[in-house]
Amino acid sequence: MIMFYEDRNFMGRSWECSSDCADMSSYMNRCHSFRVMSGCWMFYDQPNYMGHQYCFRRGEYSDYMSMWGSSNWVRSCRMVPWYNGHYRMRVYERDNYMGQMMEMSDDCDNFMNRYHWSHSWQSCHVMDGHWLFYDQPNYMGRMWYFGPGHYRNFSNWGNMRFMSMRRIMSDWY
């Protein structure tokens, strides 16, 4: 569950959310602070789970816009399902699961250094668990959420390179 506030420091009009919301505009004009009381959530700066993504776990965020360097507020949110099993995914050098393949089961703070690939991967298959991918080493920069599924082609998402990834663990909830 989350309590959203229109202004910083938990001030202004508020709205309580306990499930996915594709468009918060009917509930709030803006959001500058919030409290995550349970769960792990992905926030998006555009409706319909589009735009930049941010992951938040239990805690109080009195001015998340300055903390994350964002100029947009939360427009949609989605709860990350709780998971407490094995983590496994395969990343591929090229689109459609082609080229060199690497199987991953743990966090990686610098993919290029650890696996000596000269470039980022272009497709992946998440078999187990929920993952965050980052465009910078050490879990920094822009992030993307990947749950179980097939991701055949990253090129249509823009010119991105994934440099690090981490598992969304059960203790995040």
C-alpha atoms as a PDB file:
ATOM      1  CA  MET A   1       0.000   0.000   0.000  1.00  0.00           C
ATOM      2  CA  ILE A   2       1.135   3.550  -0.771  1.00  0.00           C
ATOM      3  CA  MET A   3      -0.025   6.960   0.364  1.00  0.00           C
ATOM      4  CA  PHE A   4       0.657   9.635  -2.266  1.00  0.00           C
ATOM      5  CA  TYR A   5       0.748  13.367  -1.471  1.00  0.00           C
ATOM      6  CA  GLU A   6       0.499  16.259  -3.891  1.00  0.00           C
ATOM      7  CA  ASP A   7       3.163  18.338  -2.118  1.00  0.00           C
ATOM      8  CA  ARG A   8       6.571  17.741  -0.589  1.00  0.00           C
ATOM      9  CA  ASN A   9       6.895  16.576   3.019  1.00  0.00           C
ATOM     10  CA  PHE A  10       3.600  14.648   2.952  1.00  0.00           C
ATOM     11  CA  MET A  11       1.487  17.784   2.606  1.00  0.00           C
ATOM     12  CA  GLY A  12      -1.510  18.601   0.443  1.00  0.00           C
ATOM     13  CA  ARG A  13      -4.171  16.357  -0.898  1.00  0.00           C
ATOM     14  CA  SER A  14      -3.464  12.629  -0.482  1.00  0.00           C
ATOM     15  CA  TRP A  15      -4.566   9.407  -2.092  1.00  0.00           C
ATOM     16  CA  GLU A  16      -4.132   5.813  -0.902  1.00  0.00           C
ATOM     17  CA  CYS A  17      -3.257   3.177  -3.493  1.00  0.00           C
ATOM     18  CA  SER A  18      -3.220  -0.577  -2.944  1.00  0.00           C
ATOM     19  CA  SER A  19      -3.095  -1.906  -6.512  1.00  0.00           C
ATOM     20  CA  ASP A  20      -1.755  -1.101  -9.971  1.00  0.00           C
ATOM     21  CA  CYS A  21      -2.889   2.234 -11.372  1.00  0.00           C
ATOM     22  CA  ALA A  22      -2.406   3.031 -15.067  1.00  0.00           C
ATOM     23  CA  ASP A  23      -3.352   6.707 -14.752  1.00  0.00           C
ATOM     24  CA  MET A  24      -3.273   8.611 -11.485  1.00  0.00           C
ATOM     25  CA  SER A  25      -4.602  11.863 -12.996  1.00  0.00           C
ATOM     26  CA  SER A  26      -8.178  11.120 -11.916  1.00  0.00           C
ATOM     27  CA  TYR A  27      -6.979  10.894  -8.290  1.00  0.00           C
ATOM     28  CA  MET A  28      -4.290  13.605  -8.110  1.00  0.00           C
ATOM     29  CA  ASN A  29      -2.993  16.542 -10.143  1.00  0.00           C
ATOM     30  CA  ARG A  30       0.603  15.896  -9.112  1.00  0.00           C
ATOM     31  CA  CYS A  31       2.667  13.864  -6.656  1.00  0.00           C
ATOM     32  CA  HIS A  32       5.756  15.131  -4.863  1.00  0.00           C
ATOM     33  CA  SER A  33       5.983  12.806  -1.846  1.00  0.00           C
ATOM     34  CA  PHE A  34       4.739   9.410  -0.740  1.00  0.00           C
ATOM     35  CA  ARG A  35       4.951   6.676   1.868  1.00  0.00           C
ATOM     36  CA  VAL A  36       5.350   3.042   0.811  1.00  0.00           C
ATOM     37  CA  MET A  37       3.762   1.111   3.659  1.00  0.00           C
ATOM     38  CA  SER A  38       4.014  -2.319   2.083  1.00  0.00           C
ATOM     39  CA  GLY A  39       5.272  -3.964  -1.035  1.00  0.00           C
ATOM     40  CA  CYS A  40       7.782  -3.052  -3.696  1.00  0.00           C
ATOM     41  CA  TRP A  41       6.558  -0.713  -6.429  1.00  0.00           C
ATOM     42  CA  MET A  42       7.541   0.535  -9.849  1.00  0.00           C
ATOM     43  CA  PHE A  43       6.605   4.139 -10.559  1.00  0.00           C
ATOM     44  CA  TYR A  44       6.412   5.645 -14.038  1.00  0.00           C
ATOM     45  CA  ASP A  45       6.511   9.300 -15.029  1.00  0.00           C
ATOM     46  CA  GLN A  46       3.922   8.725 -17.792  1.00  0.00           C
ATOM     47  CA  PRO A  47       0.470   7.113 -17.773  1.00  0.00           C
ATOM     48  CA  ASN A  48       0.051   3.469 -18.780  1.00  0.00           C
ATOM     49  CA  TYR A  49       3.352   2.368 -17.244  1.00  0.00           C
ATOM     50  CA  MET A  50       5.424   4.340 -19.760  1.00  0.00           C
ATOM     51  CA  GLY A  51       8.388   6.676 -19.498  1.00  0.00           C
ATOM     52  CA  HIS A  52      11.146   6.601 -16.913  1.00  0.00           C
ATOM     53  CA  GLN A  53      10.825   3.896 -14.273  1.00  0.00           C
ATOM     54  CA  TYR A  54      11.721   4.079 -10.588  1.00  0.00           C
ATOM     55  CA  CYS A  55      11.661   1.294  -8.020  1.00  0.00           C
ATOM     56  CA  PHE A  56      10.651   2.047  -4.437  1.00  0.00           C
ATOM     57  CA  ARG A  57      10.373  -0.192  -1.421  1.00  0.00           C
ATOM     58  CA  ARG A  58       8.993   0.367   2.069  1.00  0.00           C
ATOM     59  CA  GLY A  59       9.902   3.815   3.343  1.00  0.00           C
ATOM     60  CA  GLU A  60       9.096   7.509   3.371  1.00  0.00           C
ATOM     61  CA  TYR A  61      10.002   9.731   0.436  1.00  0.00           C
ATOM     62  CA  SER A  62       9.381  13.364   1.383  1.00  0.00           C
ATOM     63  CA  ASP A  63      10.768  14.843  -1.837  1.00  0.00           C
ATOM     64  CA  TYR A  64      11.484  12.052  -4.269  1.00  0.00           C
ATOM     65  CA  MET A  65      11.850  14.416  -7.238  1.00  0.00           C
ATOM     66  CA  SER A  66      15.066  15.974  -5.903  1.00  0.00           C
ATOM     67  CA  MET A  67      16.332  12.645  -4.599  1.00  0.00           C
ATOM     68  CA  TRP A  68      16.072  11.008  -8.033  1.00  0.00           C
ATOM     69  CA  GLY A  69      16.800  14.114 -10.099  1.00  0.00           C
ATOM     70  CA  SER A  70      13.435  13.854 -11.767  1.00  0.00           C
ATOM     71  CA  SER A  71      11.416  16.761 -13.066  1.00  0.00           C
ATOM     72  CA  ASN A  72       8.246  14.720 -13.588  1.00  0.00           C
ATOM     73  CA  TRP A  73       5.981  13.241 -10.979  1.00  0.00           C
ATOM     74  CA  VAL A  74       4.442   9.800 -10.697  1.00  0.00           C
ATOM     75  CA  ARG A  75       1.710   9.251 -13.293  1.00  0.00           C
ATOM     76  CA  SER A  76       1.246   5.477 -12.966  1.00  0.00           C
ATOM     77  CA  CYS A  77       2.371   2.736 -10.601  1.00  0.00           C
ATOM     78  CA  ARG A  78       2.564  -1.020 -10.511  1.00  0.00           C
ATOM     79  CA  MET A  79       3.237  -3.396  -7.638  1.00  0.00           C
ATOM     80  CA  VAL A  80       6.119  -5.833  -8.161  1.00  0.00           C
ATOM     81  CA  PRO A  81       4.834  -9.307  -7.255  1.00  0.00           C
ATOM     82  CA  TRP A  82       6.417 -10.846  -4.177  1.00  0.00           C
ATOM     83  CA  TYR A  83       8.881 -13.554  -5.082  1.00  0.00           C
ATOM     84  CA  ASN A  84      11.022 -15.830  -2.907  1.00  0.00           C
ATOM     85  CA  GLY A  85      12.519 -18.431  -5.213  1.00  0.00           C
ATOM     86  CA  HIS A  86      15.438 -18.939  -7.545  1.00  0.00           C
ATOM     87  CA  TYR A  87      16.494 -16.191  -9.929  1.00  0.00           C
ATOM     88  CA  ARG A  88      17.480 -17.051 -13.455  1.00  0.00           C
ATOM     89  CA  MET A  89      17.683 -15.320 -16.791  1.00  0.00           C
ATOM     90  CA  ARG A  90      19.579 -15.609 -20.029  1.00  0.00           C
ATOM     91  CA  VAL A  91      20.968 -12.563 -21.819  1.00  0.00           C
ATOM     92  CA  TYR A  92      21.897 -12.645 -25.487  1.00  0.00           C
ATOM     93  CA  GLU A  93      24.330 -10.657 -27.553  1.00  0.00           C
ATOM     94  CA  ARG A  94      21.825  -9.984 -30.356  1.00  0.00           C
ATOM     95  CA  ASP A  95      18.090  -9.670 -30.999  1.00  0.00           C
ATOM     96  CA  ASN A  96      15.849 -12.750 -30.949  1.00  0.00           C
ATOM     97  CA  TYR A  97      18.143 -14.757 -28.669  1.00  0.00           C
ATOM     98  CA  MET A  98      20.984 -14.858 -31.182  1.00  0.00           C
ATOM     99  CA  GLY A  99      24.727 -14.691 -30.635  1.00  0.00           C
ATOM    100  CA  GLN A 100      26.618 -15.325 -27.429  1.00  0.00           C
ATOM    101  CA  MET A 101      24.461 -16.222 -24.397  1.00  0.00           C
ATOM    102  CA  MET A 102      25.132 -15.765 -20.697  1.00  0.00           C
ATOM    103  CA  GLU A 103      22.978 -17.260 -17.923  1.00  0.00           C
ATOM    104  CA  MET A 104      22.590 -15.070 -14.830  1.00  0.00           C
ATOM    105  CA  SER A 105      21.362 -15.965 -11.357  1.00  0.00           C
ATOM    106  CA  ASP A 106      22.723 -13.176  -9.167  1.00  0.00           C
ATOM    107  CA  ASP A 107      23.318  -9.420  -9.074  1.00  0.00           C
ATOM    108  CA  CYS A 108      25.976  -7.938 -11.325  1.00  0.00           C
ATOM    109  CA  ASP A 109      27.367  -4.459 -10.590  1.00  0.00           C
ATOM    110  CA  ASN A 110      29.298  -4.203 -13.868  1.00  0.00           C
ATOM    111  CA  PHE A 111      28.344  -6.550 -16.656  1.00  0.00           C
ATOM    112  CA  MET A 112      31.097  -5.471 -19.066  1.00  0.00           C
ATOM    113  CA  ASN A 113      33.881  -5.993 -16.530  1.00  0.00           C
ATOM    114  CA  ARG A 114      32.583  -9.287 -15.164  1.00  0.00           C
ATOM    115  CA  TYR A 115      31.871 -11.004 -18.480  1.00  0.00           C
ATOM    116  CA  HIS A 116      34.298  -9.148 -20.770  1.00  0.00           C
ATOM    117  CA  TRP A 117      31.679  -8.377 -23.397  1.00  0.00           C
ATOM    118  CA  SER A 118      32.533  -5.345 -25.497  1.00  0.00           C
ATOM    119  CA  HIS A 119      28.887  -4.301 -25.760  1.00  0.00           C
ATOM    120  CA  SER A 120      25.565  -4.706 -24.006  1.00  0.00           C
ATOM    121  CA  TRP A 121      23.113  -7.515 -24.716  1.00  0.00           C
ATOM    122  CA  GLN A 122      20.151  -7.049 -27.059  1.00  0.00           C
ATOM    123  CA  SER A 123      17.607  -9.620 -25.836  1.00  0.00           C
ATOM    124  CA  CYS A 124      16.871 -11.686 -22.745  1.00  0.00           C
ATOM    125  CA  HIS A 125      14.635 -14.381 -21.332  1.00  0.00           C
ATOM    126  CA  VAL A 126      13.761 -13.950 -17.653  1.00  0.00           C
ATOM    127  CA  MET A 127      12.865 -17.432 -16.486  1.00  0.00           C
ATOM    128  CA  ASP A 128      12.615 -16.822 -12.720  1.00  0.00           C
ATOM    129  CA  GLY A 129      12.398 -13.779 -10.489  1.00  0.00           C
ATOM    130  CA  HIS A 130      12.082 -10.040 -10.926  1.00  0.00           C
ATOM    131  CA  TRP A 131      15.031  -7.902 -12.003  1.00  0.00           C
ATOM    132  CA  LEU A 132      16.084  -4.273 -12.330  1.00  0.00           C
ATOM    133  CA  PHE A 133      18.436  -3.365 -15.183  1.00  0.00           C
ATOM    134  CA  TYR A 134      20.462  -0.139 -15.097  1.00  0.00           C
ATOM    135  CA  ASP A 135      22.168   1.805 -17.859  1.00  0.00           C
ATOM    136  CA  GLN A 136      25.206   2.538 -15.657  1.00  0.00           C
ATOM    137  CA  PRO A 137      27.512   0.301 -13.580  1.00  0.00           C
ATOM    138  CA  ASN A 138      26.938  -0.024  -9.819  1.00  0.00           C
ATOM    139  CA  TYR A 139      23.142   0.087 -10.111  1.00  0.00           C
ATOM    140  CA  MET A 140      23.099   3.724 -11.162  1.00  0.00           C
ATOM    141  CA  GLY A 141      21.310   5.697 -13.865  1.00  0.00           C
ATOM    142  CA  ARG A 142      18.064   4.959 -15.593  1.00  0.00           C
ATOM    143  CA  MET A 143      16.391   1.687 -14.586  1.00  0.00           C
ATOM    144  CA  TRP A 144      14.035  -0.819 -16.185  1.00  0.00           C
ATOM    145  CA  TYR A 145      11.954  -3.542 -14.558  1.00  0.00           C
ATOM    146  CA  PHE A 146      11.925  -7.033 -16.087  1.00  0.00           C
ATOM    147  CA  GLY A 147       9.634  -9.731 -14.750  1.00  0.00           C
ATOM    148  CA  PRO A 148       9.373 -13.301 -16.040  1.00  0.00           C
ATOM    149  CA  GLY A 149       8.992 -13.276 -19.795  1.00  0.00           C
ATOM    150  CA  HIS A 150      10.585 -13.002 -23.210  1.00  0.00           C
ATOM    151  CA  TYR A 151      12.277  -9.786 -24.316  1.00  0.00           C
ATOM    152  CA  ARG A 152      13.313 -10.390 -27.922  1.00  0.00           C
ATOM    153  CA  ASN A 153      14.424  -6.948 -29.028  1.00  0.00           C
ATOM    154  CA  PHE A 154      15.750  -4.003 -27.017  1.00  0.00           C
ATOM    155  CA  SER A 155      16.561  -1.819 -30.036  1.00  0.00           C
ATOM    156  CA  ASN A 156      12.986  -0.565 -30.345  1.00  0.00           C
ATOM    157  CA  TRP A 157      13.293   0.917 -26.824  1.00  0.00           C
ATOM    158  CA  GLY A 158      15.924   3.407 -27.961  1.00  0.00           C
ATOM    159  CA  ASN A 159      19.672   3.287 -27.892  1.00  0.00           C
ATOM    160  CA  MET A 160      20.149   1.805 -24.421  1.00  0.00           C
ATOM    161  CA  ARG A 161      22.899  -0.248 -22.898  1.00  0.00           C
ATOM    162  CA  PHE A 162      22.432  -2.277 -19.759  1.00  0.00           C
ATOM    163  CA  MET A 163      25.524  -2.102 -17.579  1.00  0.00           C
ATOM    164  CA  SER A 164      24.314  -3.610 -14.281  1.00  0.00           C
ATOM    165  CA  MET A 165      21.384  -5.613 -12.927  1.00  0.00           C
ATOM    166  CA  ARG A 166      20.020  -6.701  -9.586  1.00  0.00           C
ATOM    167  CA  ARG A 167      17.371  -9.029  -8.296  1.00  0.00           C
ATOM    168  CA  ILE A 168      14.337  -7.644  -6.506  1.00  0.00           C
ATOM    169  CA  MET A 169      14.624  -9.725  -3.358  1.00  0.00           C
ATOM    170  CA  SER A 170      11.944 -10.712  -0.846  1.00  0.00           C
ATOM    171  CA  ASP A 171      13.511  -8.482   1.833  1.00  0.00           C
ATOM    172  CA  TRP A 172      12.569  -5.446  -0.307  1.00  0.00           C
ATOM    173  CA  TYR A 173       8.950  -5.989   0.674  1.00  0.00           C
END
